[in-house]
N, C-alpha and C. Protein backbone atom coordinates (compact mmCIF):
# COMPACT_ATOMS: atom_id res chain seq x y z
N MET A 1 -2.84 -4.33 54.16
CA MET A 1 -2.82 -2.96 53.67
C MET A 1 -3.76 -2.84 52.47
N SER A 2 -4.57 -1.80 52.49
CA SER A 2 -5.46 -1.59 51.35
C SER A 2 -4.66 -1.06 50.17
N LYS A 3 -5.19 -1.29 49.01
CA LYS A 3 -4.53 -0.85 47.79
C LYS A 3 -5.47 0.02 46.98
N ARG A 4 -4.89 0.85 46.16
CA ARG A 4 -5.61 1.62 45.17
C ARG A 4 -5.13 1.10 43.83
N ILE A 5 -6.07 0.65 43.01
CA ILE A 5 -5.74 0.14 41.68
C ILE A 5 -6.43 1.03 40.65
N ASP A 6 -5.62 1.65 39.78
CA ASP A 6 -6.17 2.49 38.73
C ASP A 6 -6.34 1.67 37.46
N TYR A 7 -7.49 1.83 36.83
CA TYR A 7 -7.77 1.19 35.54
C TYR A 7 -8.11 2.28 34.54
N TYR A 8 -7.57 2.16 33.35
CA TYR A 8 -7.95 3.10 32.29
C TYR A 8 -8.27 2.33 31.02
N ASP A 9 -9.49 2.52 30.56
CA ASP A 9 -9.95 1.90 29.31
C ASP A 9 -9.66 0.40 29.31
N ASP A 10 -9.92 -0.23 30.45
CA ASP A 10 -9.63 -1.66 30.64
C ASP A 10 -10.95 -2.43 30.68
N PRO A 11 -11.20 -3.31 29.71
CA PRO A 11 -12.46 -4.06 29.70
C PRO A 11 -12.62 -4.98 30.91
N ASN A 12 -11.53 -5.27 31.61
CA ASN A 12 -11.60 -6.12 32.81
C ASN A 12 -11.75 -5.32 34.10
N ALA A 13 -11.85 -4.00 34.00
CA ALA A 13 -11.99 -3.16 35.18
C ALA A 13 -13.36 -3.39 35.82
N PRO A 14 -13.42 -3.31 37.15
CA PRO A 14 -14.72 -3.41 37.80
C PRO A 14 -15.57 -2.19 37.47
N ALA A 15 -16.88 -2.34 37.55
CA ALA A 15 -17.80 -1.24 37.26
C ALA A 15 -17.76 -0.22 38.40
N ALA A 16 -17.82 1.06 38.04
CA ALA A 16 -17.83 2.12 39.05
C ALA A 16 -19.10 2.02 39.89
N ASN A 17 -18.94 2.27 41.20
CA ASN A 17 -20.10 2.30 42.10
C ASN A 17 -20.13 3.58 42.91
N SER A 18 -19.27 4.57 42.52
CA SER A 18 -19.15 5.80 43.30
C SER A 18 -18.58 6.91 42.42
N LEU A 19 -18.98 8.14 42.72
CA LEU A 19 -18.41 9.33 42.09
C LEU A 19 -18.17 10.33 43.20
N VAL A 20 -16.91 10.65 43.48
CA VAL A 20 -16.54 11.51 44.60
C VAL A 20 -15.78 12.72 44.07
N PRO A 21 -16.30 13.94 44.30
CA PRO A 21 -15.55 15.13 43.88
C PRO A 21 -14.22 15.20 44.61
N SER A 22 -13.16 15.42 43.85
CA SER A 22 -11.83 15.50 44.46
C SER A 22 -11.05 16.65 43.83
N VAL A 23 -9.94 16.99 44.48
CA VAL A 23 -9.03 18.01 43.98
C VAL A 23 -7.65 17.41 43.83
N ASN A 24 -6.91 17.91 42.87
CA ASN A 24 -5.48 17.65 42.75
C ASN A 24 -4.83 19.00 42.55
N VAL A 25 -3.58 19.11 42.97
CA VAL A 25 -2.94 20.42 43.01
C VAL A 25 -1.58 20.37 42.32
N VAL A 26 -1.40 21.24 41.34
CA VAL A 26 -0.13 21.42 40.66
C VAL A 26 0.61 22.53 41.41
N VAL A 27 1.49 22.13 42.32
CA VAL A 27 2.20 23.08 43.18
C VAL A 27 3.61 23.27 42.64
N THR A 28 3.98 24.53 42.42
CA THR A 28 5.35 24.85 42.01
C THR A 28 5.96 25.82 43.02
N ASN A 29 7.27 25.90 43.00
CA ASN A 29 7.97 26.85 43.87
C ASN A 29 8.62 27.92 42.99
N GLU A 30 9.43 28.78 43.61
CA GLU A 30 10.07 29.88 42.87
C GLU A 30 11.01 29.40 41.78
N ALA A 31 11.52 28.18 41.90
CA ALA A 31 12.42 27.62 40.88
C ALA A 31 11.65 26.85 39.81
N SER A 32 10.32 26.96 39.82
CA SER A 32 9.44 26.25 38.87
C SER A 32 9.54 24.73 39.01
N GLU A 33 9.89 24.27 40.22
CA GLU A 33 9.91 22.84 40.48
C GLU A 33 8.50 22.39 40.85
N LEU A 34 8.16 21.17 40.47
CA LEU A 34 6.83 20.61 40.66
C LEU A 34 6.82 19.69 41.88
N LEU A 35 5.80 19.83 42.73
CA LEU A 35 5.65 19.00 43.92
C LEU A 35 4.88 17.73 43.55
N LEU A 36 5.50 16.58 43.80
CA LEU A 36 4.87 15.29 43.54
C LEU A 36 4.92 14.43 44.79
N ILE A 37 4.02 13.46 44.87
CA ILE A 37 4.03 12.47 45.94
C ILE A 37 4.18 11.10 45.32
N ARG A 38 4.73 10.18 46.08
CA ARG A 38 4.79 8.78 45.63
C ARG A 38 3.86 7.98 46.54
N ARG A 39 2.81 7.45 45.95
CA ARG A 39 1.78 6.76 46.72
C ARG A 39 2.31 5.46 47.30
N SER A 40 1.97 5.19 48.56
CA SER A 40 2.40 3.94 49.18
C SER A 40 1.49 2.78 48.80
N ASP A 41 0.27 3.07 48.32
CA ASP A 41 -0.67 1.99 48.00
C ASP A 41 -0.47 1.40 46.61
N ASN A 42 0.18 2.14 45.70
CA ASN A 42 0.42 1.57 44.37
C ASN A 42 1.78 1.95 43.79
N GLY A 43 2.55 2.77 44.50
CA GLY A 43 3.89 3.14 44.05
C GLY A 43 3.95 4.19 42.96
N ASN A 44 2.81 4.68 42.50
CA ASN A 44 2.79 5.68 41.43
C ASN A 44 3.11 7.07 41.96
N TRP A 45 3.75 7.88 41.12
CA TRP A 45 3.94 9.29 41.41
C TRP A 45 2.67 10.02 41.03
N ALA A 46 2.28 11.03 41.82
CA ALA A 46 1.03 11.73 41.59
C ALA A 46 1.11 13.16 42.13
N LEU A 47 0.14 13.95 41.74
CA LEU A 47 -0.03 15.27 42.32
C LEU A 47 -0.70 15.09 43.69
N PRO A 48 -0.42 15.97 44.66
CA PRO A 48 -1.15 15.90 45.91
C PRO A 48 -2.63 16.14 45.67
N GLY A 49 -3.48 15.54 46.49
CA GLY A 49 -4.91 15.78 46.36
C GLY A 49 -5.73 14.72 47.04
N GLY A 50 -7.05 14.91 46.98
CA GLY A 50 -7.96 13.96 47.59
C GLY A 50 -9.38 14.48 47.57
N ALA A 51 -10.24 13.79 48.29
CA ALA A 51 -11.67 14.10 48.30
C ALA A 51 -11.94 15.44 48.97
N ILE A 52 -12.97 16.12 48.48
CA ILE A 52 -13.44 17.36 49.08
C ILE A 52 -14.42 16.97 50.20
N ASP A 53 -14.17 17.48 51.40
CA ASP A 53 -15.02 17.16 52.54
C ASP A 53 -16.26 18.06 52.55
N LEU A 54 -17.34 17.55 53.13
CA LEU A 54 -18.54 18.37 53.30
C LEU A 54 -18.21 19.62 54.09
N GLY A 55 -18.76 20.76 53.68
CA GLY A 55 -18.52 22.02 54.36
C GLY A 55 -17.22 22.69 53.99
N GLU A 56 -16.50 22.15 53.02
CA GLU A 56 -15.19 22.65 52.62
C GLU A 56 -15.28 23.20 51.21
N SER A 57 -14.62 24.32 50.96
CA SER A 57 -14.57 24.85 49.60
C SER A 57 -13.51 24.09 48.80
N ILE A 58 -13.53 24.25 47.50
CA ILE A 58 -12.54 23.60 46.65
C ILE A 58 -11.12 24.06 46.99
N PRO A 59 -10.87 25.38 47.10
CA PRO A 59 -9.51 25.80 47.48
C PRO A 59 -9.10 25.31 48.87
N GLN A 60 -10.03 25.31 49.83
CA GLN A 60 -9.70 24.81 51.17
C GLN A 60 -9.28 23.35 51.11
N ALA A 61 -10.00 22.55 50.34
CA ALA A 61 -9.66 21.13 50.20
C ALA A 61 -8.27 20.97 49.59
N ALA A 62 -7.97 21.77 48.57
CA ALA A 62 -6.67 21.68 47.89
C ALA A 62 -5.53 22.02 48.84
N ILE A 63 -5.70 23.08 49.60
CA ILE A 63 -4.66 23.50 50.55
C ILE A 63 -4.51 22.45 51.65
N ARG A 64 -5.62 21.95 52.19
CA ARG A 64 -5.58 20.93 53.25
C ARG A 64 -4.90 19.66 52.77
N GLU A 65 -5.32 19.15 51.61
CA GLU A 65 -4.75 17.90 51.10
C GLU A 65 -3.25 18.05 50.84
N THR A 66 -2.84 19.18 50.27
CA THR A 66 -1.41 19.40 50.00
C THR A 66 -0.62 19.41 51.31
N LEU A 67 -1.13 20.10 52.32
CA LEU A 67 -0.44 20.15 53.61
C LEU A 67 -0.39 18.77 54.26
N GLU A 68 -1.52 18.06 54.27
CA GLU A 68 -1.56 16.73 54.89
C GLU A 68 -0.59 15.75 54.22
N GLU A 69 -0.51 15.82 52.91
CA GLU A 69 0.26 14.82 52.16
C GLU A 69 1.73 15.17 52.01
N THR A 70 2.08 16.47 52.14
CA THR A 70 3.46 16.86 51.84
C THR A 70 4.13 17.72 52.90
N GLY A 71 3.35 18.36 53.78
CA GLY A 71 3.92 19.31 54.73
C GLY A 71 4.10 20.69 54.14
N ILE A 72 3.71 20.89 52.89
CA ILE A 72 3.88 22.17 52.20
C ILE A 72 2.58 22.96 52.25
N ILE A 73 2.68 24.24 52.62
CA ILE A 73 1.54 25.16 52.59
C ILE A 73 1.59 25.86 51.24
N CYS A 74 0.43 25.93 50.59
CA CYS A 74 0.39 26.53 49.26
C CYS A 74 -0.72 27.57 49.16
N GLU A 75 -0.60 28.38 48.14
CA GLU A 75 -1.60 29.40 47.82
C GLU A 75 -2.16 29.06 46.44
N ILE A 76 -3.47 28.96 46.32
CA ILE A 76 -4.10 28.62 45.05
C ILE A 76 -4.00 29.82 44.11
N THR A 77 -3.57 29.56 42.87
CA THR A 77 -3.39 30.63 41.90
C THR A 77 -4.28 30.50 40.66
N GLY A 78 -4.94 29.36 40.50
CA GLY A 78 -5.79 29.22 39.32
C GLY A 78 -6.33 27.82 39.15
N LEU A 79 -7.09 27.67 38.10
CA LEU A 79 -7.69 26.39 37.73
C LEU A 79 -6.97 25.83 36.52
N VAL A 80 -6.49 24.60 36.62
CA VAL A 80 -5.86 23.92 35.49
C VAL A 80 -6.94 23.31 34.61
N GLY A 81 -7.90 22.61 35.24
CA GLY A 81 -8.97 21.99 34.46
C GLY A 81 -9.83 21.09 35.32
N THR A 82 -10.88 20.58 34.71
CA THR A 82 -11.76 19.61 35.35
C THR A 82 -11.68 18.33 34.54
N TYR A 83 -11.63 17.21 35.27
CA TYR A 83 -11.42 15.93 34.60
C TYR A 83 -12.40 14.90 35.14
N SER A 84 -13.15 14.30 34.24
CA SER A 84 -14.04 13.20 34.58
C SER A 84 -14.07 12.29 33.37
N ASP A 85 -13.70 11.04 33.60
CA ASP A 85 -13.62 10.10 32.49
C ASP A 85 -14.14 8.76 32.95
N PRO A 86 -15.29 8.31 32.45
CA PRO A 86 -15.83 7.03 32.88
C PRO A 86 -14.94 5.84 32.51
N ARG A 87 -13.95 6.06 31.63
CA ARG A 87 -13.01 4.98 31.29
C ARG A 87 -11.92 4.83 32.34
N HIS A 88 -11.79 5.83 33.25
CA HIS A 88 -10.80 5.77 34.33
C HIS A 88 -11.54 5.50 35.63
N VAL A 89 -11.32 4.33 36.20
CA VAL A 89 -11.90 3.99 37.51
C VAL A 89 -10.78 3.63 38.47
N ILE A 90 -11.04 3.89 39.74
CA ILE A 90 -10.07 3.66 40.80
C ILE A 90 -10.71 2.70 41.80
N HIS A 91 -10.08 1.54 41.99
CA HIS A 91 -10.61 0.52 42.90
C HIS A 91 -9.86 0.60 44.21
N TYR A 92 -10.59 0.86 45.31
CA TYR A 92 -10.04 0.86 46.65
C TYR A 92 -10.37 -0.49 47.27
N THR A 93 -9.36 -1.32 47.48
CA THR A 93 -9.60 -2.69 47.92
C THR A 93 -10.07 -2.79 49.37
N SER A 94 -9.83 -1.76 50.18
CA SER A 94 -10.21 -1.82 51.60
C SER A 94 -11.71 -1.92 51.79
N ASN A 95 -12.48 -1.28 50.90
CA ASN A 95 -13.94 -1.31 51.04
C ASN A 95 -14.65 -1.66 49.73
N ASP A 96 -13.88 -2.06 48.73
CA ASP A 96 -14.39 -2.44 47.41
C ASP A 96 -15.10 -1.30 46.69
N GLU A 97 -14.76 -0.07 47.07
CA GLU A 97 -15.30 1.08 46.35
C GLU A 97 -14.58 1.19 45.01
N VAL A 98 -15.34 1.48 43.97
CA VAL A 98 -14.78 1.70 42.64
C VAL A 98 -15.27 3.06 42.17
N ARG A 99 -14.38 4.04 42.17
CA ARG A 99 -14.76 5.42 41.83
C ARG A 99 -14.51 5.72 40.36
N GLN A 100 -15.46 6.41 39.76
CA GLN A 100 -15.20 7.04 38.46
C GLN A 100 -14.40 8.30 38.75
N GLU A 101 -13.38 8.56 37.95
CA GLU A 101 -12.57 9.75 38.15
C GLU A 101 -13.44 11.00 38.04
N PHE A 102 -13.24 11.91 38.98
CA PHE A 102 -13.85 13.24 38.94
C PHE A 102 -12.93 14.15 39.72
N SER A 103 -12.16 14.97 39.03
CA SER A 103 -11.15 15.77 39.71
C SER A 103 -11.10 17.19 39.17
N LEU A 104 -11.02 18.13 40.10
CA LEU A 104 -10.76 19.52 39.78
C LEU A 104 -9.27 19.73 40.05
N VAL A 105 -8.54 20.17 39.06
CA VAL A 105 -7.09 20.35 39.21
C VAL A 105 -6.80 21.84 39.29
N LEU A 106 -6.16 22.23 40.40
CA LEU A 106 -5.85 23.63 40.66
C LEU A 106 -4.35 23.87 40.56
N ALA A 107 -3.98 25.08 40.19
CA ALA A 107 -2.59 25.52 40.21
C ALA A 107 -2.33 26.22 41.53
N ALA A 108 -1.11 26.08 42.05
CA ALA A 108 -0.76 26.71 43.33
C ALA A 108 0.73 26.96 43.37
N ARG A 109 1.10 27.84 44.29
CA ARG A 109 2.53 28.06 44.54
C ARG A 109 2.81 27.75 46.00
N ALA A 110 3.94 27.11 46.24
CA ALA A 110 4.36 26.80 47.60
C ALA A 110 4.73 28.09 48.31
N THR A 111 4.21 28.29 49.53
CA THR A 111 4.51 29.51 50.27
C THR A 111 5.37 29.24 51.50
N SER A 112 5.22 28.07 52.11
CA SER A 112 6.02 27.74 53.29
C SER A 112 5.85 26.26 53.60
N GLY A 113 6.41 25.85 54.72
CA GLY A 113 6.29 24.46 55.15
C GLY A 113 7.58 23.70 54.95
N GLN A 114 7.58 22.50 55.48
CA GLN A 114 8.74 21.61 55.39
C GLN A 114 8.28 20.33 54.70
N LEU A 115 8.94 19.94 53.63
CA LEU A 115 8.56 18.73 52.91
C LEU A 115 8.63 17.54 53.86
N THR A 116 7.46 16.95 54.14
CA THR A 116 7.33 15.87 55.11
C THR A 116 6.37 14.82 54.57
N PRO A 117 6.86 13.67 54.15
CA PRO A 117 5.96 12.62 53.67
C PRO A 117 5.00 12.17 54.77
N SER A 118 3.78 11.85 54.39
CA SER A 118 2.79 11.35 55.34
C SER A 118 2.82 9.83 55.36
N ALA A 119 2.05 9.23 56.26
CA ALA A 119 1.97 7.77 56.33
C ALA A 119 1.35 7.20 55.07
N GLU A 120 0.57 8.02 54.37
CA GLU A 120 -0.12 7.58 53.16
C GLU A 120 0.84 7.50 51.96
N PHE A 121 1.97 8.19 52.06
CA PHE A 121 2.87 8.29 50.92
C PHE A 121 4.30 8.03 51.35
N HIS A 122 5.04 7.32 50.50
CA HIS A 122 6.43 7.01 50.78
C HIS A 122 7.29 8.28 50.80
N THR A 123 7.16 9.08 49.76
CA THR A 123 8.03 10.23 49.62
C THR A 123 7.31 11.37 48.95
N GLY A 124 7.84 12.54 49.12
CA GLY A 124 7.40 13.70 48.38
C GLY A 124 8.62 14.28 47.71
N ALA A 125 8.43 14.98 46.63
CA ALA A 125 9.59 15.53 45.92
C ALA A 125 9.23 16.86 45.30
N LEU A 126 10.07 17.84 45.51
CA LEU A 126 10.02 19.10 44.79
C LEU A 126 11.27 19.09 43.94
N GLY A 127 11.10 18.92 42.64
CA GLY A 127 12.32 18.85 41.87
C GLY A 127 12.12 18.76 40.38
N ALA A 128 11.06 18.15 39.94
CA ALA A 128 10.84 18.06 38.50
C ALA A 128 10.55 19.46 37.98
N GLN A 129 11.14 19.80 36.86
CA GLN A 129 10.92 21.11 36.30
C GLN A 129 9.53 21.19 35.67
N ALA A 130 8.76 22.16 36.10
CA ALA A 130 7.43 22.39 35.53
C ALA A 130 7.59 23.05 34.17
N PRO A 131 6.70 22.73 33.22
CA PRO A 131 6.77 23.39 31.92
C PRO A 131 6.57 24.89 32.05
N ALA A 132 7.26 25.63 31.23
CA ALA A 132 7.14 27.09 31.27
C ALA A 132 5.85 27.57 30.65
């Protein structure tokens, strides 16, 4: 099984060899609960998200990734921020790719769907209270 290893400000981290635009999505529901995934490759809790495919808009990528990873359909409501930090690299052991973080984080609200973990993730959870 391939692994994803995150390094932050680690002098022993491998050098980045890739920069891939990606999206992450802060999805809340009517109860202000936050949608999180638990990654199967490293066990960390995270926001749904992933790489933006060629021919895809940023909102389309965010909606697709959220649906693929959680079973939840969402509507994009805004931009949280853009994040790129050369001190944060992500090593994918399957192909030895080492990405520098580059993420557009969008806000969204859950509109429908059934919470369904994907093969990529152990579990999904709607439950943590989002800040007001």
